[in-house]
Amino acid sequence: MLTQPAPRVRRGFRLPESQLGRREMLWGYIFAAAPLIGFLLFGVIPLVGSLILGFTKWDMAGDPQWVGGQNWAEILSLHVAPIPREIDPESGEPM
């Protein structure tokens, strides 16, 4: 008795065989790409640009100069003086 081998089962991604299936897949990619492109344009690119500008000295009139971490070291080493409180001499309470 002859036996036939079991058919191979393809797992994973398969292209649709019909024209309608391909068209639906294309529209799915288009609709998924729109928010990703918006996120890149309005989220990632400005974030990276701001990070790069944070390492430069630029007065917007000339060319930016790379200063490295000098800007960040200056900002992180700032000491803020406490605000003096005025106290009412009679009651001892803050005004």
PDB file of N, CA and C in Angstrom:
ATOM      1  N   MET A   1       0.829  -1.169   0.000  1.00  0.00           N
ATOM      2  CA  MET A   1       0.000   0.000   0.000  1.00  0.00           C
ATOM      3  C   MET A   1       0.883   1.246   0.000  1.00  0.00           C
ATOM      4  N   LEU A   2       0.616   2.142  -0.923  1.00  0.00           N
ATOM      5  CA  LEU A   2       1.405   3.364  -1.035  1.00  0.00           C
ATOM      6  C   LEU A   2       0.775   4.453  -0.188  1.00  0.00           C
ATOM      7  N   THR A   3       1.624   5.173   0.498  1.00  0.00           N
ATOM      8  CA  THR A   3       1.117   6.300   1.301  1.00  0.00           C
ATOM      9  C   THR A   3       1.670   7.583   0.732  1.00  0.00           C
ATOM     10  N   GLN A   4       0.872   8.595   0.793  1.00  0.00           N
ATOM     11  CA  GLN A   4       1.312   9.899   0.311  1.00  0.00           C
ATOM     12  C   GLN A   4       1.815  10.719   1.488  1.00  0.00           C
ATOM     13  N   PRO A   5       2.838  11.537   1.230  1.00  0.00           N
ATOM     14  CA  PRO A   5       3.327  12.374   2.332  1.00  0.00           C
ATOM     15  C   PRO A   5       2.271  13.418   2.698  1.00  0.00           C
ATOM     16  N   ALA A   6       2.323  13.800   3.948  1.00  0.00           N
ATOM     17  CA  ALA A   6       1.367  14.805   4.435  1.00  0.00           C
ATOM     18  C   ALA A   6       1.651  16.138   3.758  1.00  0.00           C
ATOM     19  N   PRO A   7       0.618  16.896   3.444  1.00  0.00           N
ATOM     20  CA  PRO A   7       0.848  18.202   2.808  1.00  0.00           C
ATOM     21  C   PRO A   7       1.558  19.141   3.772  1.00  0.00           C
ATOM     22  N   ARG A   8       2.437  19.952   3.195  1.00  0.00           N
ATOM     23  CA  ARG A   8       3.183  20.909   4.024  1.00  0.00           C
ATOM     24  C   ARG A   8       2.276  22.071   4.392  1.00  0.00           C
ATOM     25  N   VAL A   9       2.307  22.424   5.616  1.00  0.00           N
ATOM     26  CA  VAL A   9       1.508  23.547   6.095  1.00  0.00           C
ATOM     27  C   VAL A   9       2.431  24.759   6.169  1.00  0.00           C
ATOM     28  N   ARG A  10       2.074  25.800   5.443  1.00  0.00           N
ATOM     29  CA  ARG A  10       2.884  27.019   5.467  1.00  0.00           C
ATOM     30  C   ARG A  10       2.446  27.865   6.656  1.00  0.00           C
ATOM     31  N   ARG A  11       3.392  28.194   7.435  1.00  0.00           N
ATOM     32  CA  ARG A  11       3.113  29.045   8.589  1.00  0.00           C
ATOM     33  C   ARG A  11       3.701  30.420   8.340  1.00  0.00           C
ATOM     34  N   GLY A  12       3.164  31.414   9.011  1.00  0.00           N
ATOM     35  CA  GLY A  12       3.699  32.763   8.878  1.00  0.00           C
ATOM     36  C   GLY A  12       2.919  33.566   7.858  1.00  0.00           C
ATOM     37  N   PHE A  13       3.576  34.556   7.319  1.00  0.00           N
ATOM     38  CA  PHE A  13       2.927  35.517   6.418  1.00  0.00           C
ATOM     39  C   PHE A  13       2.760  34.915   5.029  1.00  0.00           C
ATOM     40  N   ARG A  14       1.551  35.052   4.497  1.00  0.00           N
ATOM     41  CA  ARG A  14       1.273  34.625   3.136  1.00  0.00           C
ATOM     42  C   ARG A  14       0.609  35.763   2.392  1.00  0.00           C
ATOM     43  N   LEU A  15       1.018  35.990   1.178  1.00  0.00           N
ATOM     44  CA  LEU A  15       0.359  36.986   0.347  1.00  0.00           C
ATOM     45  C   LEU A  15      -1.017  36.478  -0.047  1.00  0.00           C
ATOM     46  N   PRO A  16      -1.992  37.358  -0.028  1.00  0.00           N
ATOM     47  CA  PRO A  16      -3.316  36.930  -0.492  1.00  0.00           C
ATOM     48  C   PRO A  16      -3.266  36.546  -1.964  1.00  0.00           C
ATOM     49  N   GLU A  17      -4.031  35.551  -2.312  1.00  0.00           N
ATOM     50  CA  GLU A  17      -4.004  35.068  -3.679  1.00  0.00           C
ATOM     51  C   GLU A  17      -4.933  35.863  -4.584  1.00  0.00           C
ATOM     52  N   SER A  18      -5.951  36.489  -4.047  1.00  0.00           N
ATOM     53  CA  SER A  18      -6.892  37.221  -4.883  1.00  0.00           C
ATOM     54  C   SER A  18      -6.483  38.686  -5.001  1.00  0.00           C
ATOM     55  N   GLN A  19      -6.943  39.307  -6.068  1.00  0.00           N
ATOM     56  CA  GLN A  19      -6.667  40.728  -6.286  1.00  0.00           C
ATOM     57  C   GLN A  19      -7.299  41.574  -5.183  1.00  0.00           C
ATOM     58  N   LEU A  20      -8.493  41.181  -4.741  1.00  0.00           N
ATOM     59  CA  LEU A  20      -9.174  41.921  -3.679  1.00  0.00           C
ATOM     60  C   LEU A  20      -8.389  41.827  -2.370  1.00  0.00           C
ATOM     61  N   GLY A  21      -7.824  40.678  -2.083  1.00  0.00           N
ATOM     62  CA  GLY A  21      -7.027  40.509  -0.871  1.00  0.00           C
ATOM     63  C   GLY A  21      -5.778  41.375  -0.887  1.00  0.00           C
ATOM     64  N   ARG A  22      -5.137  41.453  -2.050  1.00  0.00           N
ATOM     65  CA  ARG A  22      -3.952  42.314  -2.161  1.00  0.00           C
ATOM     66  C   ARG A  22      -4.317  43.776  -1.994  1.00  0.00           C
ATOM     67  N   ARG A  23      -5.432  44.169  -2.571  1.00  0.00           N
ATOM     68  CA  ARG A  23      -5.866  45.562  -2.458  1.00  0.00           C
ATOM     69  C   ARG A  23      -6.183  45.917  -1.000  1.00  0.00           C
ATOM     70  N   GLU A  24      -6.855  45.006  -0.297  1.00  0.00           N
ATOM     71  CA  GLU A  24      -7.155  45.243   1.128  1.00  0.00           C
ATOM     72  C   GLU A  24      -5.873  45.324   1.944  1.00  0.00           C
ATOM     73  N   MET A  25      -4.906  44.496   1.624  1.00  0.00           N
ATOM     74  CA  MET A  25      -3.632  44.528   2.338  1.00  0.00           C
ATOM     75  C   MET A  25      -2.915  45.860   2.097  1.00  0.00           C
ATOM     76  N   LEU A  26      -2.945  46.343   0.857  1.00  0.00           N
ATOM     77  CA  LEU A  26      -2.324  47.620   0.536  1.00  0.00           C
ATOM     78  C   LEU A  26      -2.976  48.759   1.318  1.00  0.00           C
ATOM     79  N   TRP A  27      -4.305  48.775   1.346  1.00  0.00           N
ATOM     80  CA  TRP A  27      -5.004  49.825   2.096  1.00  0.00           C
ATOM     81  C   TRP A  27      -4.720  49.716   3.596  1.00  0.00           C
ATOM     82  N   GLY A  28      -4.550  48.517   4.095  1.00  0.00           N
ATOM     83  CA  GLY A  28      -4.188  48.346   5.500  1.00  0.00           C
ATOM     84  C   GLY A  28      -2.833  48.971   5.802  1.00  0.00           C
ATOM     85  N   TYR A  29      -1.868  48.761   4.905  1.00  0.00           N
ATOM     86  CA  TYR A  29      -0.545  49.372   5.091  1.00  0.00           C
ATOM     87  C   TYR A  29      -0.628  50.892   4.998  1.00  0.00           C
ATOM     88  N   ILE A  30      -1.440  51.397   4.089  1.00  0.00           N
ATOM     89  CA  ILE A  30      -1.574  52.853   3.947  1.00  0.00           C
ATOM     90  C   ILE A  30      -2.167  53.457   5.211  1.00  0.00           C
ATOM     91  N   PHE A  31      -3.219  52.836   5.749  1.00  0.00           N
ATOM     92  CA  PHE A  31      -3.840  53.373   6.963  1.00  0.00           C
ATOM     93  C   PHE A  31      -2.930  53.231   8.179  1.00  0.00           C
ATOM     94  N   ALA A  32      -2.117  52.195   8.213  1.00  0.00           N
ATOM     95  CA  ALA A  32      -1.185  52.037   9.330  1.00  0.00           C
ATOM     96  C   ALA A  32      -0.005  52.994   9.209  1.00  0.00           C
ATOM     97  N   ALA A  33       0.371  53.355   7.983  1.00  0.00           N
ATOM     98  CA  ALA A  33       1.521  54.231   7.778  1.00  0.00           C
ATOM     99  C   ALA A  33       1.217  55.679   8.149  1.00  0.00           C
ATOM    100  N   ALA A  34      -0.029  56.116   8.009  1.00  0.00           N
ATOM    101  CA  ALA A  34      -0.364  57.517   8.278  1.00  0.00           C
ATOM    102  C   ALA A  34      -0.027  57.940   9.713  1.00  0.00           C
ATOM    103  N   PRO A  35      -0.457  57.221  10.757  1.00  0.00           N
ATOM    104  CA  PRO A  35      -0.073  57.647  12.106  1.00  0.00           C
ATOM    105  C   PRO A  35       1.418  57.508  12.382  1.00  0.00           C
ATOM    106  N   LEU A  36       2.063  56.517  11.762  1.00  0.00           N
ATOM    107  CA  LEU A  36       3.501  56.366  11.971  1.00  0.00           C
ATOM    108  C   LEU A  36       4.263  57.538  11.365  1.00  0.00           C
ATOM    109  N   ILE A  37       3.851  57.978  10.188  1.00  0.00           N
ATOM    110  CA  ILE A  37       4.500  59.133   9.572  1.00  0.00           C
ATOM    111  C   ILE A  37       4.252  60.386  10.403  1.00  0.00           C
ATOM    112  N   GLY A  38       3.031  60.566  10.903  1.00  0.00           N
ATOM    113  CA  GLY A  38       2.734  61.711  11.766  1.00  0.00           C
ATOM    114  C   GLY A  38       3.555  61.696  13.041  1.00  0.00           C
ATOM    115  N   PHE A  39       3.711  60.517  13.642  1.00  0.00           N
ATOM    116  CA  PHE A  39       4.518  60.408  14.854  1.00  0.00           C
ATOM    117  C   PHE A  39       5.963  60.779  14.577  1.00  0.00           C
ATOM    118  N   LEU A  40       6.491  60.342  13.442  1.00  0.00           N
ATOM    119  CA  LEU A  40       7.870  60.700  13.098  1.00  0.00           C
ATOM    120  C   LEU A  40       8.006  62.196  12.853  1.00  0.00           C
ATOM    121  N   LEU A  41       7.092  62.766  12.071  1.00  0.00           N
ATOM    122  CA  LEU A  41       7.203  64.185  11.716  1.00  0.00           C
ATOM    123  C   LEU A  41       7.006  65.110  12.911  1.00  0.00           C
ATOM    124  N   PHE A  42       6.034  64.800  13.759  1.00  0.00           N
ATOM    125  CA  PHE A  42       5.688  65.717  14.837  1.00  0.00           C
ATOM    126  C   PHE A  42       6.170  65.267  16.208  1.00  0.00           C
ATOM    127  N   GLY A  43       6.791  64.108  16.308  1.00  0.00           N
ATOM    128  CA  GLY A  43       7.267  63.617  17.589  1.00  0.00           C
ATOM    129  C   GLY A  43       8.758  63.380  17.638  1.00  0.00           C
ATOM    130  N   VAL A  44       9.221  62.468  16.822  1.00  0.00           N
ATOM    131  CA  VAL A  44      10.609  62.029  16.899  1.00  0.00           C
ATOM    132  C   VAL A  44      11.570  63.077  16.338  1.00  0.00           C
ATOM    133  N   ILE A  45      11.255  63.635  15.168  1.00  0.00           N
ATOM    134  CA  ILE A  45      12.178  64.592  14.541  1.00  0.00           C
ATOM    135  C   ILE A  45      12.352  65.850  15.403  1.00  0.00           C
ATOM    136  N   PRO A  46      11.281  66.469  15.943  1.00  0.00           N
ATOM    137  CA  PRO A  46      11.504  67.624  16.827  1.00  0.00           C
ATOM    138  C   PRO A  46      12.251  67.258  18.108  1.00  0.00           C
ATOM    139  N   LEU A  47      12.006  66.074  18.640  1.00  0.00           N
ATOM    140  CA  LEU A  47      12.702  65.647  19.849  1.00  0.00           C
ATOM    141  C   LEU A  47      14.197  65.512  19.605  1.00  0.00           C
ATOM    142  N   VAL A  48      14.565  64.875  18.514  1.00  0.00           N
ATOM    143  CA  VAL A  48      15.986  64.712  18.183  1.00  0.00           C
ATOM    144  C   VAL A  48      16.612  66.068  17.868  1.00  0.00           C
ATOM    145  N   GLY A  49      15.886  66.931  17.149  1.00  0.00           N
ATOM    146  CA  GLY A  49      16.406  68.267  16.846  1.00  0.00           C
ATOM    147  C   GLY A  49      16.648  69.087  18.102  1.00  0.00           C
ATOM    148  N   SER A  50      15.731  69.014  19.053  1.00  0.00           N
ATOM    149  CA  SER A  50      15.912  69.744  20.319  1.00  0.00           C
ATOM    150  C   SER A  50      17.091  69.209  21.108  1.00  0.00           C
ATOM    151  N   LEU A  51      17.248  67.906  21.079  1.00  0.00           N
ATOM    152  CA  LEU A  51      18.381  67.310  21.788  1.00  0.00           C
ATOM    153  C   LEU A  51      19.701  67.758  21.172  1.00  0.00           C
ATOM    154  N   ILE A  52      19.766  67.793  19.853  1.00  0.00           N
ATOM    155  CA  ILE A  52      20.990  68.248  19.187  1.00  0.00           C
ATOM    156  C   ILE A  52      21.237  69.725  19.476  1.00  0.00           C
ATOM    157  N   LEU A  53      20.194  70.553  19.419  1.00  0.00           N
ATOM    158  CA  LEU A  53      20.371  71.986  19.701  1.00  0.00           C
ATOM    159  C   LEU A  53      20.767  72.238  21.155  1.00  0.00           C
ATOM    160  N   GLY A  54      20.442  71.312  22.045  1.00  0.00           N
ATOM    161  CA  GLY A  54      20.835  71.446  23.441  1.00  0.00           C
ATOM    162  C   GLY A  54      22.334  71.374  23.650  1.00  0.00           C
ATOM    163  N   PHE A  55      23.050  70.852  22.680  1.00  0.00           N
ATOM    164  CA  PHE A  55      24.501  70.744  22.766  1.00  0.00           C
ATOM    165  C   PHE A  55      25.216  71.811  21.949  1.00  0.00           C
ATOM    166  N   THR A  56      24.479  72.834  21.503  1.00  0.00           N
ATOM    167  CA  THR A  56      25.084  73.893  20.706  1.00  0.00           C
ATOM    168  C   THR A  56      24.848  75.257  21.356  1.00  0.00           C
ATOM    169  N   LYS A  57      25.663  76.211  20.949  1.00  0.00           N
ATOM    170  CA  LYS A  57      25.467  77.607  21.353  1.00  0.00           C
ATOM    171  C   LYS A  57      25.059  78.342  20.077  1.00  0.00           C
ATOM    172  N   TRP A  58      23.835  78.879  20.079  1.00  0.00           N
ATOM    173  CA  TRP A  58      23.303  79.466  18.862  1.00  0.00           C
ATOM    174  C   TRP A  58      22.435  80.653  19.223  1.00  0.00           C
ATOM    175  N   ASP A  59      22.775  81.824  18.674  1.00  0.00           N
ATOM    176  CA  ASP A  59      21.997  83.024  18.951  1.00  0.00           C
ATOM    177  C   ASP A  59      21.014  83.335  17.820  1.00  0.00           C
ATOM    178  N   MET A  60      20.793  82.413  16.918  1.00  0.00           N
ATOM    179  CA  MET A  60      19.866  82.497  15.790  1.00  0.00           C
ATOM    180  C   MET A  60      20.296  83.520  14.738  1.00  0.00           C
ATOM    181  N   ALA A  61      21.361  84.279  14.966  1.00  0.00           N
ATOM    182  CA  ALA A  61      21.837  85.236  13.970  1.00  0.00           C
ATOM    183  C   ALA A  61      23.005  84.645  13.182  1.00  0.00           C
ATOM    184  N   GLY A  62      23.793  83.810  13.819  1.00  0.00           N
ATOM    185  CA  GLY A  62      24.951  83.210  13.154  1.00  0.00           C
ATOM    186  C   GLY A  62      24.792  81.703  13.071  1.00  0.00           C
ATOM    187  N   ASP A  63      25.879  81.058  12.812  1.00  0.00           N
ATOM    188  CA  ASP A  63      25.876  79.606  12.739  1.00  0.00           C
ATOM    189  C   ASP A  63      25.962  79.006  14.145  1.00  0.00           C
ATOM    190  N   PRO A  64      25.314  77.864  14.374  1.00  0.00           N
ATOM    191  CA  PRO A  64      25.424  77.220  15.691  1.00  0.00           C
ATOM    192  C   PRO A  64      26.838  76.686  15.917  1.00  0.00           C
ATOM    193  N   GLN A  65      27.304  76.795  17.150  1.00  0.00           N
ATOM    194  CA  GLN A  65      28.627  76.286  17.519  1.00  0.00           C
ATOM    195  C   GLN A  65      28.443  75.131  18.491  1.00  0.00           C
ATOM    196  N   TRP A  66      29.140  74.039  18.243  1.00  0.00           N
ATOM    197  CA  TRP A  66      29.038  72.865  19.095  1.00  0.00           C
ATOM    198  C   TRP A  66      29.807  73.111  20.383  1.00  0.00           C
ATOM    199  N   VAL A  67      29.129  73.025  21.526  1.00  0.00           N
ATOM    200  CA  VAL A  67      29.791  73.214  22.814  1.00  0.00           C
ATOM    201  C   VAL A  67      29.737  71.946  23.658  1.00  0.00           C
ATOM    202  N   GLY A  68      29.133  70.912  23.143  1.00  0.00           N
ATOM    203  CA  GLY A  68      29.086  69.643  23.865  1.00  0.00           C
ATOM    204  C   GLY A  68      28.215  69.736  25.105  1.00  0.00           C
ATOM    205  N   GLY A  69      28.683  69.169  26.185  1.00  0.00           N
ATOM    206  CA  GLY A  69      27.913  69.132  27.419  1.00  0.00           C
ATOM    207  C   GLY A  69      28.043  70.374  28.273  1.00  0.00           C
ATOM    208  N   GLN A  70      28.688  71.400  27.770  1.00  0.00           N
ATOM    209  CA  GLN A  70      28.884  72.630  28.546  1.00  0.00           C
ATOM    210  C   GLN A  70      27.544  73.260  28.932  1.00  0.00           C
ATOM    211  N   ASN A  71      26.589  73.301  28.015  1.00  0.00           N
ATOM    212  CA  ASN A  71      25.272  73.865  28.327  1.00  0.00           C
ATOM    213  C   ASN A  71      24.606  73.086  29.460  1.00  0.00           C
ATOM    214  N   TRP A  72      24.640  71.760  29.377  1.00  0.00           N
ATOM    215  CA  TRP A  72      23.981  70.939  30.380  1.00  0.00           C
ATOM    216  C   TRP A  72      24.686  71.033  31.730  1.00  0.00           C
ATOM    217  N   ALA A  73      26.011  71.118  31.721  1.00  0.00           N
ATOM    218  CA  ALA A  73      26.740  71.257  32.984  1.00  0.00           C
ATOM    219  C   ALA A  73      26.397  72.586  33.646  1.00  0.00           C
ATOM    220  N   GLU A  74      26.243  73.634  32.831  1.00  0.00           N
ATOM    221  CA  GLU A  74      25.892  74.946  33.377  1.00  0.00           C
ATOM    222  C   GLU A  74      24.483  74.947  33.954  1.00  0.00           C
ATOM    223  N   ILE A  75      23.565  74.332  33.263  1.00  0.00           N
ATOM    224  CA  ILE A  75      22.176  74.295  33.750  1.00  0.00           C
ATOM    225  C   ILE A  75      22.071  73.465  35.019  1.00  0.00           C
ATOM    226  N   LEU A  76      22.733  72.325  35.050  1.00  0.00           N
ATOM    227  CA  LEU A  76      22.615  71.438  36.211  1.00  0.00           C
ATOM    228  C   LEU A  76      23.385  71.942  37.417  1.00  0.00           C
ATOM    229  N   SER A  77      24.305  72.891  37.236  1.00  0.00           N
ATOM    230  CA  SER A  77      25.066  73.407  38.372  1.00  0.00           C
ATOM    231  C   SER A  77      24.499  74.725  38.891  1.00  0.00           C
ATOM    232  N   LEU A  78      23.369  75.176  38.373  1.00  0.00           N
ATOM    233  CA  LEU A  78      22.768  76.418  38.864  1.00  0.00           C
ATOM    234  C   LEU A  78      22.272  76.244  40.286  1.00  0.00           C
ATOM    235  N   HIS A  79      22.505  77.253  41.079  1.00  0.00           N
ATOM    236  CA  HIS A  79      21.992  77.258  42.437  1.00  0.00           C
ATOM    237  C   HIS A  79      20.963  78.366  42.541  1.00  0.00           C
ATOM    238  N   VAL A  80      19.785  78.005  42.931  1.00  0.00           N
ATOM    239  CA  VAL A  80      18.698  78.967  43.035  1.00  0.00           C
ATOM    240  C   VAL A  80      18.684  79.510  44.458  1.00  0.00           C
ATOM    241  N   ALA A  81      18.716  80.830  44.570  1.00  0.00           N
ATOM    242  CA  ALA A  81      18.675  81.449  45.890  1.00  0.00           C
ATOM    243  C   ALA A  81      17.253  81.368  46.440  1.00  0.00           C
ATOM    244  N   PRO A  82      17.120  81.090  47.725  1.00  0.00           N
ATOM    245  CA  PRO A  82      15.770  81.027  48.295  1.00  0.00           C
ATOM    246  C   PRO A  82      15.125  82.408  48.318  1.00  0.00           C
ATOM    247  N   ILE A  83      13.826  82.426  48.178  1.00  0.00           N
ATOM    248  CA  ILE A  83      13.084  83.680  48.220  1.00  0.00           C
ATOM    249  C   ILE A  83      12.942  84.100  49.683  1.00  0.00           C
ATOM    250  N   PRO A  84      13.389  85.313  50.005  1.00  0.00           N
ATOM    251  CA  PRO A  84      13.247  85.738  51.408  1.00  0.00           C
ATOM    252  C   PRO A  84      11.777  85.981  51.733  1.00  0.00           C
ATOM    253  N   ARG A  85      11.374  85.501  52.871  1.00  0.00           N
ATOM    254  CA  ARG A  85       9.991  85.683  53.299  1.00  0.00           C
ATOM    255  C   ARG A  85       9.906  86.889  54.221  1.00  0.00           C
ATOM    256  N   GLU A  86       8.923  87.686  53.966  1.00  0.00           N
ATOM    257  CA  GLU A  86       8.684  88.802  54.864  1.00  0.00           C
ATOM    258  C   GLU A  86       7.813  88.322  56.018  1.00  0.00           C
ATOM    259  N   ILE A  87       8.279  88.611  57.208  1.00  0.00           N
ATOM    260  CA  ILE A  87       7.566  88.174  58.395  1.00  0.00           C
ATOM    261  C   ILE A  87       7.069  89.397  59.154  1.00  0.00           C
ATOM    262  N   ASP A  88       5.829  89.308  59.540  1.00  0.00           N
ATOM    263  CA  ASP A  88       5.218  90.385  60.321  1.00  0.00           C
ATOM    264  C   ASP A  88       5.889  90.413  61.690  1.00  0.00           C
ATOM    265  N   PRO A  89       6.524  91.563  62.047  1.00  0.00           N
ATOM    266  CA  PRO A  89       7.236  91.600  63.324  1.00  0.00           C
ATOM    267  C   PRO A  89       6.327  91.462  64.545  1.00  0.00           C
ATOM    268  N   GLU A  90       5.077  91.859  64.441  1.00  0.00           N
ATOM    269  CA  GLU A  90       4.171  91.769  65.594  1.00  0.00           C
ATOM    270  C   GLU A  90       3.679  90.360  65.850  1.00  0.00           C
ATOM    271  N   SER A  91       3.233  89.681  64.744  1.00  0.00           N
ATOM    272  CA  SER A  91       2.640  88.363  64.950  1.00  0.00           C
ATOM    273  C   SER A  91       3.624  87.229  64.662  1.00  0.00           C
ATOM    274  N   GLY A  92       4.696  87.512  63.900  1.00  0.00           N
ATOM    275  CA  GLY A  92       5.648  86.472  63.560  1.00  0.00           C
ATOM    276  C   GLY A  92       5.190  85.582  62.415  1.00  0.00           C
ATOM    277  N   GLU A  93       4.091  85.955  61.763  1.00  0.00           N
ATOM    278  CA  GLU A  93       3.569  85.160  60.648  1.00  0.00           C
ATOM    279  C   GLU A  93       4.068  85.706  59.320  1.00  0.00           C
ATOM    280  N   PRO A  94       4.155  84.845  58.291  1.00  0.00           N
ATOM    281  CA  PRO A  94       4.546  85.358  56.972  1.00  0.00           C
ATOM    282  C   PRO A  94       3.472  86.269  56.389  1.00  0.00           C
ATOM    283  N   MET A  95       3.912  87.277  55.658  1.00  0.00           N
ATOM    284  CA  MET A  95       2.957  88.221  55.070  1.00  0.00           C
ATOM    285  C   MET A  95       2.476  87.732  53.732  1.00  0.00           C
TER     286      MET A  95
END
